[in-house]
Structures are given as C-alpha cells and as structure tokens.
C-alpha cells in the first residue's frame, strides 16, 4: 500500500532528491538514448547508480524502458509526457546553479 504524501512537493522531492535524477532527465530531454549513451554523457556516474536511477525514474512514470529485439538486444530509454514536463524544472535549476554555484 502506498503511503499518503504530506503534499505534492513531498512526492516530487522523493522522486527528484536522488543525486542524479535531474541530470539523467536532462540527458533524455533531447530524445531517447541507449544506456551506454547516457553513461558516456555523465562520466561521473557508475553503471550501477545509473541503472538504479533509471529504474526509479521508470517506477515513478518519468522514463520508459524499451527493449528492441535484435542481435544484440538494444535497450533504449525515453521520457514519458510526465518526464518531458520536467524540462522547465531542469532549466530553472540549471539557471540557478549557474548563478549561485559557480
């Protein structure tokens, strides 16, 4: 059973408080990507952490994992409509960081 959230901000914070969530979302805003493409675009993230982050974003409905049956099997990730709506949030956090965290 799902716990009641204190408010919508609490629910959003639970999703976005993971260290790499916004960075992964930012990478997927330009379109679908394979795991290796995301991994290369974020050199500081380990494969295990990236996998965990993508799984959490998928469980929260922000990312879709698509398996293409081929040889070898290709797995691609893309944002859902819910995930795409994070574009403004990502941009505002980026602006804030450029202003205050340089």
PDB file of N, CA and C in Angstrom:
ATOM      1  N   UNK A   1       0.841  -1.185   0.000  1.00  0.00           N
ATOM      2  CA  UNK A   1       0.000   0.000   0.000  1.00  0.00           C
ATOM      3  C   UNK A   1       0.887   1.250   0.000  1.00  0.00           C
ATOM      4  N   UNK A   2       0.504   2.211  -0.772  1.00  0.00           N
ATOM      5  CA  UNK A   2       1.282   3.437  -0.898  1.00  0.00           C
ATOM      6  C   UNK A   2       1.003   4.386   0.258  1.00  0.00           C
ATOM      7  N   UNK A   3       2.064   4.984   0.794  1.00  0.00           N
ATOM      8  CA  UNK A   3       1.899   5.917   1.898  1.00  0.00           C
ATOM      9  C   UNK A   3       1.311   7.225   1.391  1.00  0.00           C
ATOM     10  N   UNK A   4       0.508   7.852   2.230  1.00  0.00           N
ATOM     11  CA  UNK A   4      -0.031   9.174   1.916  1.00  0.00           C
ATOM     12  C   UNK A   4       1.107  10.190   1.917  1.00  0.00           C
ATOM     13  N   UNK A   5       1.080  11.097   0.995  1.00  0.00           N
ATOM     14  CA  UNK A   5       2.085  12.153   0.928  1.00  0.00           C
ATOM     15  C   UNK A   5       1.554  13.372   1.659  1.00  0.00           C
ATOM     16  N   UNK A   6       2.451  14.063   2.335  1.00  0.00           N
ATOM     17  CA  UNK A   6       2.067  15.276   3.061  1.00  0.00           C
ATOM     18  C   UNK A   6       1.547  16.328   2.092  1.00  0.00           C
ATOM     19  N   UNK A   7       2.214  16.458   0.974  1.00  0.00           N
ATOM     20  CA  UNK A   7       1.791  17.415  -0.045  1.00  0.00           C
ATOM     21  C   UNK A   7       2.456  17.027  -1.365  1.00  0.00           C
ATOM     22  N   UNK A   8       2.010  17.597  -2.473  1.00  0.00           N
ATOM     23  CA  UNK A   8       2.637  17.259  -3.760  1.00  0.00           C
ATOM     24  C   UNK A   8       4.136  17.536  -3.792  1.00  0.00           C
ATOM     25  N   UNK A   9       4.584  18.560  -3.086  1.00  0.00           N
ATOM     26  CA  UNK A   9       6.014  18.870  -3.066  1.00  0.00           C
ATOM     27  C   UNK A   9       6.816  17.735  -2.428  1.00  0.00           C
ATOM     28  N   UNK A  10       6.250  17.114  -1.415  1.00  0.00           N
ATOM     29  CA  UNK A  10       6.903  15.983  -0.768  1.00  0.00           C
ATOM     30  C   UNK A  10       7.062  14.825  -1.756  1.00  0.00           C
ATOM     31  N   UNK A  11       6.021  14.553  -2.528  1.00  0.00           N
ATOM     32  CA  UNK A  11       6.075  13.481  -3.517  1.00  0.00           C
ATOM     33  C   UNK A  11       7.130  13.789  -4.581  1.00  0.00           C
ATOM     34  N   UNK A  12       7.161  15.024  -5.058  1.00  0.00           N
ATOM     35  CA  UNK A  12       8.146  15.417  -6.072  1.00  0.00           C
ATOM     36  C   UNK A  12       9.559  15.337  -5.510  1.00  0.00           C
ATOM     37  N   UNK A  13       9.739  15.754  -4.279  1.00  0.00           N
ATOM     38  CA  UNK A  13      11.058  15.709  -3.649  1.00  0.00           C
ATOM     39  C   UNK A  13      11.547  14.278  -3.524  1.00  0.00           C
ATOM     40  N   UNK A  14      10.652  13.361  -3.227  1.00  0.00           N
ATOM     41  CA  UNK A  14      11.027  11.950  -3.121  1.00  0.00           C
ATOM     42  C   UNK A  14      11.599  11.450  -4.445  1.00  0.00           C
ATOM     43  N   UNK A  15      11.023  11.868  -5.553  1.00  0.00           N
ATOM     44  CA  UNK A  15      11.487  11.444  -6.874  1.00  0.00           C
ATOM     45  C   UNK A  15      12.796  12.135  -7.235  1.00  0.00           C
ATOM     46  N   UNK A  16      12.863  13.436  -7.018  1.00  0.00           N
ATOM     47  CA  UNK A  16      13.979  14.233  -7.520  1.00  0.00           C
ATOM     48  C   UNK A  16      15.145  14.372  -6.561  1.00  0.00           C
ATOM     49  N   UNK A  17      15.016  13.864  -5.353  1.00  0.00           N
ATOM     50  CA  UNK A  17      16.090  14.040  -4.374  1.00  0.00           C
ATOM     51  C   UNK A  17      17.270  13.099  -4.614  1.00  0.00           C
ATOM     52  N   UNK A  18      17.104  12.116  -5.453  1.00  0.00           N
ATOM     53  CA  UNK A  18      18.229  11.239  -5.789  1.00  0.00           C
ATOM     54  C   UNK A  18      19.272  12.047  -6.544  1.00  0.00           C
ATOM     55  N   UNK A  19      20.530  11.829  -6.234  1.00  0.00           N
ATOM     56  CA  UNK A  19      21.624  12.661  -6.727  1.00  0.00           C
ATOM     57  C   UNK A  19      21.607  12.890  -8.232  1.00  0.00           C
ATOM     58  N   UNK A  20      21.344  11.884  -9.036  1.00  0.00           N
ATOM     59  CA  UNK A  20      21.497  12.004 -10.480  1.00  0.00           C
ATOM     60  C   UNK A  20      20.183  12.167 -11.235  1.00  0.00           C
ATOM     61  N   UNK A  21      19.058  12.196 -10.560  1.00  0.00           N
ATOM     62  CA  UNK A  21      17.755  12.207 -11.240  1.00  0.00           C
ATOM     63  C   UNK A  21      17.609  13.335 -12.253  1.00  0.00           C
ATOM     64  N   UNK A  22      17.858  14.559 -11.829  1.00  0.00           N
ATOM     65  CA  UNK A  22      17.694  15.692 -12.749  1.00  0.00           C
ATOM     66  C   UNK A  22      18.698  15.641 -13.890  1.00  0.00           C
ATOM     67  N   UNK A  23      19.900  15.162 -13.621  1.00  0.00           N
ATOM     68  CA  UNK A  23      20.929  15.077 -14.664  1.00  0.00           C
ATOM     69  C   UNK A  23      20.511  14.046 -15.718  1.00  0.00           C
ATOM     70  N   UNK A  24      20.000  12.907 -15.291  1.00  0.00           N
ATOM     71  CA  UNK A  24      19.546  11.877 -16.227  1.00  0.00           C
ATOM     72  C   UNK A  24      18.361  12.403 -17.031  1.00  0.00           C
ATOM     73  N   UNK A  25      17.424  13.047 -16.371  1.00  0.00           N
ATOM     74  CA  UNK A  25      16.276  13.634 -17.077  1.00  0.00           C
ATOM     75  C   UNK A  25      16.768  14.647 -18.107  1.00  0.00           C
ATOM     76  N   UNK A  26      17.723  15.482 -17.722  1.00  0.00           N
ATOM     77  CA  UNK A  26      18.267  16.483 -18.647  1.00  0.00           C
ATOM     78  C   UNK A  26      18.865  15.815 -19.885  1.00  0.00           C
ATOM     79  N   UNK A  27      19.547  14.695 -19.705  1.00  0.00           N
ATOM     80  CA  UNK A  27      20.136  13.995 -20.844  1.00  0.00           C
ATOM     81  C   UNK A  27      19.068  13.425 -21.774  1.00  0.00           C
ATOM     82  N   UNK A  28      17.951  13.005 -21.212  1.00  0.00           N
ATOM     83  CA  UNK A  28      16.887  12.405 -22.011  1.00  0.00           C
ATOM     84  C   UNK A  28      15.955  13.437 -22.654  1.00  0.00           C
ATOM     85  N   UNK A  29      16.079  14.692 -22.267  1.00  0.00           N
ATOM     86  CA  UNK A  29      15.227  15.724 -22.867  1.00  0.00           C
ATOM     87  C   UNK A  29      15.482  15.883 -24.362  1.00  0.00           C
ATOM     88  N   UNK A  30      16.677  15.520 -24.820  1.00  0.00           N
ATOM     89  CA  UNK A  30      16.990  15.647 -26.249  1.00  0.00           C
ATOM     90  C   UNK A  30      16.509  14.451 -27.062  1.00  0.00           C
ATOM     91  N   UNK A  31      15.959  13.446 -26.407  1.00  0.00           N
ATOM     92  CA  UNK A  31      15.430  12.288 -27.119  1.00  0.00           C
ATOM     93  C   UNK A  31      15.885  10.982 -26.499  1.00  0.00           C
ATOM     94  N   UNK A  32      15.365   9.884 -27.056  1.00  0.00           N
ATOM     95  CA  UNK A  32      15.691   8.569 -26.494  1.00  0.00           C
ATOM     96  C   UNK A  32      17.180   8.273 -26.634  1.00  0.00           C
ATOM     97  N   UNK A  33      17.668   7.497 -25.657  1.00  0.00           N
ATOM     98  CA  UNK A  33      19.091   7.155 -25.647  1.00  0.00           C
ATOM     99  C   UNK A  33      19.265   5.737 -25.130  1.00  0.00           C
ATOM    100  N   UNK A  34      20.335   5.107 -25.582  1.00  0.00           N
ATOM    101  CA  UNK A  34      20.722   3.816 -25.041  1.00  0.00           C
ATOM    102  C   UNK A  34      21.449   4.047 -23.716  1.00  0.00           C
ATOM    103  N   UNK A  35      21.501   3.005 -22.904  1.00  0.00           N
ATOM    104  CA  UNK A  35      22.159   3.088 -21.607  1.00  0.00           C
ATOM    105  C   UNK A  35      23.575   3.622 -21.755  1.00  0.00           C
ATOM    106  N   UNK A  36      24.310   3.071 -22.714  1.00  0.00           N
ATOM    107  CA  UNK A  36      25.709   3.471 -22.896  1.00  0.00           C
ATOM    108  C   UNK A  36      25.841   4.942 -23.284  1.00  0.00           C
ATOM    109  N   UNK A  37      24.869   5.466 -24.024  1.00  0.00           N
ATOM    110  CA  UNK A  37      24.908   6.884 -24.397  1.00  0.00           C
ATOM    111  C   UNK A  37      24.705   7.779 -23.180  1.00  0.00           C
ATOM    112  N   UNK A  38      23.792   7.380 -22.321  1.00  0.00           N
ATOM    113  CA  UNK A  38      23.562   8.151 -21.085  1.00  0.00           C
ATOM    114  C   UNK A  38      24.802   8.082 -20.210  1.00  0.00           C
ATOM    115  N   UNK A  39      25.345   6.882 -20.084  1.00  0.00           N
ATOM    116  CA  UNK A  39      26.542   6.669 -19.261  1.00  0.00           C
ATOM    117  C   UNK A  39      27.708   7.528 -19.748  1.00  0.00           C
ATOM    118  N   UNK A  40      27.930   7.590 -21.043  1.00  0.00           N
ATOM    119  CA  UNK A  40      29.020   8.400 -21.602  1.00  0.00           C
ATOM    120  C   UNK A  40      28.785   9.890 -21.397  1.00  0.00           C
ATOM    121  N   UNK A  41      27.529  10.302 -21.386  1.00  0.00           N
ATOM    122  CA  UNK A  41      27.229  11.730 -21.241  1.00  0.00           C
ATOM    123  C   UNK A  41      27.338  12.211 -19.795  1.00  0.00           C
ATOM    124  N   UNK A  42      27.420  11.270 -18.849  1.00  0.00           N
ATOM    125  CA  UNK A  42      27.571  11.603 -17.422  1.00  0.00           C
ATOM    126  C   UNK A  42      28.759  10.798 -16.893  1.00  0.00           C
ATOM    127  N   UNK A  43      29.983  11.243 -17.160  1.00  0.00           N
ATOM    128  CA  UNK A  43      31.167  10.444 -16.806  1.00  0.00           C
ATOM    129  C   UNK A  43      31.289  10.110 -15.321  1.00  0.00           C
ATOM    130  N   UNK A  44      30.730  10.912 -14.454  1.00  0.00           N
ATOM    131  CA  UNK A  44      30.895  10.697 -13.010  1.00  0.00           C
ATOM    132  C   UNK A  44      29.985   9.601 -12.449  1.00  0.00           C
ATOM    133  N   UNK A  45      29.017   9.124 -13.218  1.00  0.00           N
ATOM    134  CA  UNK A  45      28.042   8.161 -12.697  1.00  0.00           C
ATOM    135  C   UNK A  45      28.501   6.733 -12.999  1.00  0.00           C
ATOM    136  N   UNK A  46      28.339   5.857 -12.027  1.00  0.00           N
ATOM    137  CA  UNK A  46      28.693   4.456 -12.239  1.00  0.00           C
ATOM    138  C   UNK A  46      27.519   3.743 -12.921  1.00  0.00           C
ATOM    139  N   UNK A  47      27.793   2.650 -13.616  1.00  0.00           N
ATOM    140  CA  UNK A  47      26.711   1.906 -14.257  1.00  0.00           C
ATOM    141  C   UNK A  47      25.640   1.449 -13.259  1.00  0.00           C
ATOM    142  N   UNK A  48      26.077   1.022 -12.087  1.00  0.00           N
ATOM    143  CA  UNK A  48      25.126   0.559 -11.064  1.00  0.00           C
ATOM    144  C   UNK A  48      24.204   1.696 -10.616  1.00  0.00           C
ATOM    145  N   UNK A  49      24.765   2.860 -10.381  1.00  0.00           N
ATOM    146  CA  UNK A  49      23.962   4.008  -9.946  1.00  0.00           C
ATOM    147  C   UNK A  49      23.031   4.462 -11.070  1.00  0.00           C
ATOM    148  N   UNK A  50      23.527   4.484 -12.299  1.00  0.00           N
ATOM    149  CA  UNK A  50      22.692   4.868 -13.439  1.00  0.00           C
ATOM    150  C   UNK A  50      21.524   3.910 -13.591  1.00  0.00           C
ATOM    151  N   UNK A  51      21.790   2.636 -13.486  1.00  0.00           N
ATOM    152  CA  UNK A  51      20.737   1.630 -13.589  1.00  0.00           C
ATOM    153  C   UNK A  51      19.677   1.835 -12.505  1.00  0.00           C
ATOM    154  N   UNK A  52      20.120   2.091 -11.296  1.00  0.00           N
ATOM    155  CA  UNK A  52      19.207   2.334 -10.177  1.00  0.00           C
ATOM    156  C   UNK A  52      18.380   3.588 -10.409  1.00  0.00           C
ATOM    157  N   UNK A  53      19.025   4.637 -10.894  1.00  0.00           N
ATOM    158  CA  UNK A  53      18.349   5.904 -11.156  1.00  0.00           C
ATOM    159  C   UNK A  53      17.287   5.733 -12.246  1.00  0.00           C
ATOM    160  N   UNK A  54      17.655   5.076 -13.341  1.00  0.00           N
ATOM    161  CA  UNK A  54      16.698   4.848 -14.428  1.00  0.00           C
ATOM    162  C   UNK A  54      15.521   3.999 -13.951  1.00  0.00           C
ATOM    163  N   UNK A  55      15.802   3.004 -13.127  1.00  0.00           N
ATOM    164  CA  UNK A  55      14.731   2.166 -12.572  1.00  0.00           C
ATOM    165  C   UNK A  55      13.773   2.969 -11.718  1.00  0.00           C
ATOM    166  N   UNK A  56      14.308   3.850 -10.879  1.00  0.00           N
ATOM    167  CA  UNK A  56      13.461   4.686 -10.025  1.00  0.00           C
ATOM    168  C   UNK A  56      12.624   5.645 -10.870  1.00  0.00           C
ATOM    169  N   UNK A  57      13.248   6.255 -11.874  1.00  0.00           N
ATOM    170  CA  UNK A  57      12.507   7.176 -12.749  1.00  0.00           C
ATOM    171  C   UNK A  57      11.421   6.422 -13.523  1.00  0.00           C
ATOM    172  N   UNK A  58      11.701   5.187 -13.885  1.00  0.00           N
ATOM    173  CA  UNK A  58      10.702   4.359 -14.568  1.00  0.00           C
ATOM    174  C   UNK A  58       9.546   4.036 -13.627  1.00  0.00           C
ATOM    175  N   UNK A  59       9.853   3.642 -12.397  1.00  0.00           N
ATOM    176  CA  UNK A  59       8.803   3.323 -11.418  1.00  0.00           C
ATOM    177  C   UNK A  59       7.907   4.523 -11.131  1.00  0.00           C
ATOM    178  N   UNK A  60       8.476   5.722 -11.197  1.00  0.00           N
ATOM    179  CA  UNK A  60       7.702   6.938 -10.938  1.00  0.00           C
ATOM    180  C   UNK A  60       7.013   7.476 -12.200  1.00  0.00           C
ATOM    181  N   UNK A  61       7.189   6.773 -13.312  1.00  0.00           N
ATOM    182  CA  UNK A  61       6.474   7.143 -14.524  1.00  0.00           C
ATOM    183  C   UNK A  61       7.089   8.269 -15.325  1.00  0.00           C
ATOM    184  N   UNK A  62       8.365   8.579 -15.110  1.00  0.00           N
ATOM    185  CA  UNK A  62       9.027   9.641 -15.866  1.00  0.00           C
ATOM    186  C   UNK A  62       9.805   9.108 -17.058  1.00  0.00           C
ATOM    187  N   UNK A  63      10.186   7.835 -17.012  1.00  0.00           N
ATOM    188  CA  UNK A  63      11.001   7.224 -18.049  1.00  0.00           C
ATOM    189  C   UNK A  63      10.364   5.905 -18.487  1.00  0.00           C
ATOM    190  N   UNK A  64      10.491   5.607 -19.772  1.00  0.00           N
ATOM    191  CA  UNK A  64      10.060   4.323 -20.319  1.00  0.00           C
ATOM    192  C   UNK A  64      11.300   3.599 -20.824  1.00  0.00           C
ATOM    193  N   UNK A  65      11.386   2.340 -20.495  1.00  0.00           N
ATOM    194  CA  UNK A  65      12.478   1.466 -20.962  1.00  0.00           C
ATOM    195  C   UNK A  65      11.912   0.627 -22.097  1.00  0.00           C
ATOM    196  N   UNK A  66      12.537   0.711 -23.260  1.00  0.00           N
ATOM    197  CA  UNK A  66      12.066  -0.041 -24.420  1.00  0.00           C
ATOM    198  C   UNK A  66      13.139  -1.018 -24.876  1.00  0.00           C
ATOM    199  N   UNK A  67      12.751  -2.263 -25.015  1.00  0.00           N
ATOM    200  CA  UNK A  67      13.674  -3.302 -25.454  1.00  0.00           C
ATOM    201  C   UNK A  67      13.404  -3.588 -26.922  1.00  0.00           C
ATOM    202  N   UNK A  68      14.432  -3.446 -27.734  1.00  0.00           N
ATOM    203  CA  UNK A  68      14.344  -3.733 -29.163  1.00  0.00           C
ATOM    204  C   UNK A  68      14.955  -5.109 -29.398  1.00  0.00           C
ATOM    205  N   UNK A  69      14.110  -6.022 -29.851  1.00  0.00           N
ATOM    206  CA  UNK A  69      14.588  -7.378 -30.075  1.00  0.00           C
ATOM    207  C   UNK A  69      15.415  -7.394 -31.357  1.00  0.00           C
ATOM    208  N   UNK A  70      16.698  -7.558 -31.179  1.00  0.00           N
ATOM    209  CA  UNK A  70      17.641  -7.625 -32.291  1.00  0.00           C
ATOM    210  C   UNK A  70      18.849  -8.396 -31.789  1.00  0.00           C
ATOM    211  N   UNK A  71      19.844  -8.474 -32.596  1.00  0.00           N
ATOM    212  CA  UNK A  71      21.060  -9.134 -32.153  1.00  0.00           C
ATOM    213  C   UNK A  71      22.222  -8.160 -32.289  1.00  0.00           C
ATOM    214  N   UNK A  72      22.759  -7.641 -31.223  1.00  0.00           N
ATOM    215  CA  UNK A  72      22.366  -7.869 -29.824  1.00  0.00           C
ATOM    216  C   UNK A  72      21.101  -7.072 -29.472  1.00  0.00           C
ATOM    217  N   UNK A  73      20.500  -7.431 -28.357  1.00  0.00           N
ATOM    218  CA  UNK A  73      19.306  -6.739 -27.881  1.00  0.00           C
ATOM    219  C   UNK A  73      19.683  -5.308 -27.546  1.00  0.00           C
ATOM    220  N   UNK A  74      18.847  -4.371 -27.958  1.00  0.00           N
ATOM    221  CA  UNK A  74      19.084  -2.954 -27.664  1.00  0.00           C
ATOM    222  C   UNK A  74      18.026  -2.465 -26.690  1.00  0.00           C
ATOM    223  N   UNK A  75      18.479  -1.772 -25.670  1.00  0.00           N
ATOM    224  CA  UNK A  75      17.574  -1.179 -24.688  1.00  0.00           C
ATOM    225  C   UNK A  75      17.708   0.329 -24.782  1.00  0.00           C
ATOM    226  N   UNK A  76      16.571   0.996 -24.970  1.00  0.00           N
ATOM    227  CA  UNK A  76      16.573   2.452 -25.059  1.00  0.00           C
ATOM    228  C   UNK A  76      15.667   3.021 -23.979  1.00  0.00           C
ATOM    229  N   UNK A  77      15.986   4.230 -23.582  1.00  0.00           N
ATOM    230  CA  UNK A  77      15.204   4.929 -22.565  1.00  0.00           C
ATOM    231  C   UNK A  77      14.708   6.237 -23.153  1.00  0.00           C
ATOM    232  N   UNK A  78      13.486   6.592 -22.808  1.00  0.00           N
ATOM    233  CA  UNK A  78      12.938   7.875 -23.244  1.00  0.00           C
ATOM    234  C   UNK A  78      12.028   8.413 -22.151  1.00  0.00           C
ATOM    235  N   UNK A  79      11.825   9.718 -22.196  1.00  0.00           N
ATOM    236  CA  UNK A  79      10.937  10.345 -21.225  1.00  0.00           C
ATOM    237  C   UNK A  79       9.482  10.142 -21.624  1.00  0.00           C
ATOM    238  N   UNK A  80       8.637   9.985 -20.631  1.00  0.00           N
ATOM    239  CA  UNK A  80       7.191   9.980 -20.835  1.00  0.00           C
ATOM    240  C   UNK A  80       6.740  11.436 -20.894  1.00  0.00           C
ATOM    241  N   UNK A  81       5.464  11.660 -21.106  1.00  0.00           N
ATOM    242  CA  UNK A  81       4.947  13.038 -21.061  1.00  0.00           C
ATOM    243  C   UNK A  81       5.216  13.652 -19.690  1.00  0.00           C
ATOM    244  N   UNK A  82       5.033  12.860 -18.657  1.00  0.00           N
ATOM    245  CA  UNK A  82       5.320  13.321 -17.290  1.00  0.00           C
ATOM    246  C   UNK A  82       6.781  13.737 -17.168  1.00  0.00           C
ATOM    247  N   UNK A  83       7.679  12.957 -17.738  1.00  0.00           N
ATOM    248  CA  UNK A  83       9.102  13.278 -17.707  1.00  0.00           C
ATOM    249  C   UNK A  83       9.440  14.507 -18.523  1.00  0.00           C
ATOM    250  N   UNK A  84       8.805  14.644 -19.689  1.00  0.00           N
ATOM    251  CA  UNK A  84       9.063  15.799 -20.554  1.00  0.00           C
ATOM    252  C   UNK A  84       8.646  17.102 -19.884  1.00  0.00           C
ATOM    253  N   UNK A  85       7.653  17.033 -19.017  1.00  0.00           N
ATOM    254  CA  UNK A  85       7.224  18.236 -18.310  1.00  0.00           C
ATOM    255  C   UNK A  85       8.252  18.728 -17.303  1.00  0.00           C
ATOM    256  N   UNK A  86       9.297  17.944 -17.093  1.00  0.00           N
ATOM    257  CA  UNK A  86      10.385  18.354 -16.203  1.00  0.00           C
ATOM    258  C   UNK A  86      11.344  19.323 -16.880  1.00  0.00           C
ATOM    259  N   UNK A  87      11.169  19.592 -18.172  1.00  0.00           N
ATOM    260  CA  UNK A  87      12.087  20.459 -18.922  1.00  0.00           C
ATOM    261  C   UNK A  87      12.233  21.825 -18.258  1.00  0.00           C
ATOM    262  N   UNK A  88      11.134  22.425 -17.863  1.00  0.00           N
ATOM    263  CA  UNK A  88      11.218  23.753 -17.221  1.00  0.00           C
ATOM    264  C   UNK A  88      11.925  23.678 -15.876  1.00  0.00           C
ATOM    265  N   UNK A  89      11.675  22.628 -15.130  1.00  0.00           N
ATOM    266  CA  UNK A  89      12.329  22.453 -13.830  1.00  0.00           C
ATOM    267  C   UNK A  89      13.839  22.330 -14.028  1.00  0.00           C
ATOM    268  N   UNK A  90      14.245  21.489 -14.983  1.00  0.00           N
ATOM    269  CA  UNK A  90      15.665  21.296 -15.268  1.00  0.00           C
ATOM    270  C   UNK A  90      16.304  22.621 -15.661  1.00  0.00           C
ATOM    271  N   UNK A  91      15.653  23.360 -16.532  1.00  0.00           N
ATOM    272  CA  UNK A  91      16.204  24.641 -16.992  1.00  0.00           C
ATOM    273  C   UNK A  91      16.319  25.645 -15.848  1.00  0.00           C
ATOM    274  N   UNK A  92      15.321  25.724 -14.992  1.00  0.00           N
ATOM    275  CA  UNK A  92      15.373  26.664 -13.858  1.00  0.00           C
ATOM    276  C   UNK A  92      16.457  26.275 -12.856  1.00  0.00           C
ATOM    277  N   UNK A  93      16.608  24.996 -12.582  1.00  0.00           N
ATOM    278  CA  UNK A  93      17.675  24.546 -11.673  1.00  0.00           C
ATOM    279  C   UNK A  93      19.033  24.842 -12.302  1.00  0.00           C
ATOM    280  N   UNK A  94      19.151  24.629 -13.612  1.00  0.00           N
ATOM    281  CA  UNK A  94      20.401  24.936 -14.313  1.00  0.00           C
ATOM    282  C   UNK A  94      20.733  26.427 -14.201  1.00  0.00           C
ATOM    283  N   UNK A  95      19.751  27.290 -14.423  1.00  0.00           N
ATOM    284  CA  UNK A  95      19.971  28.745 -14.298  1.00  0.00           C
ATOM    285  C   UNK A  95      20.381  29.126 -12.882  1.00  0.00           C
ATOM    286  N   UNK A  96      19.692  28.567 -11.916  1.00  0.00           N
ATOM    287  CA  UNK A  96      20.006  28.853 -10.516  1.00  0.00           C
ATOM    288  C   UNK A  96      21.445  28.427 -10.209  1.00  0.00           C
ATOM    289  N   UNK A  97      21.827  27.234 -10.650  1.00  0.00           N
ATOM    290  CA  UNK A  97      23.178  26.719 -10.376  1.00  0.00           C
ATOM    291  C   UNK A  97      24.237  27.562 -11.061  1.00  0.00           C
ATOM    292  N   UNK A  98      23.974  28.002 -12.293  1.00  0.00           N
ATOM    293  CA  UNK A  98      24.941  28.843 -12.991  1.00  0.00           C
ATOM    294  C   UNK A  98      25.138  30.178 -12.274  1.00  0.00           C
ATOM    295  N   UNK A  99      24.075  30.673 -11.694  1.00  0.00           N
ATOM    296  CA  UNK A  99      24.164  31.957 -10.989  1.00  0.00           C
ATOM    297  C   UNK A  99      24.831  31.825  -9.627  1.00  0.00           C
ATOM    298  N   UNK A 100      24.481  30.784  -8.865  1.00  0.00           N
ATOM    299  CA  UNK A 100      24.888  30.709  -7.468  1.00  0.00           C
ATOM    300  C   UNK A 100      25.962  29.682  -7.138  1.00  0.00           C
ATOM    301  N   UNK A 101      26.186  28.725  -7.990  1.00  0.00           N
ATOM    302  CA  UNK A 101      27.086  27.622  -7.634  1.00  0.00           C
ATOM    303  C   UNK A 101      28.368  27.586  -8.453  1.00  0.00           C
ATOM    304  N   UNK A 102      28.707  28.628  -9.120  1.00  0.00           N
ATOM    305  CA  UNK A 102      29.954  28.647  -9.914  1.00  0.00           C
ATOM    306  C   UNK A 102      31.125  29.027  -9.077  1.00  0.00           C
TER     307      UNK A 102
END
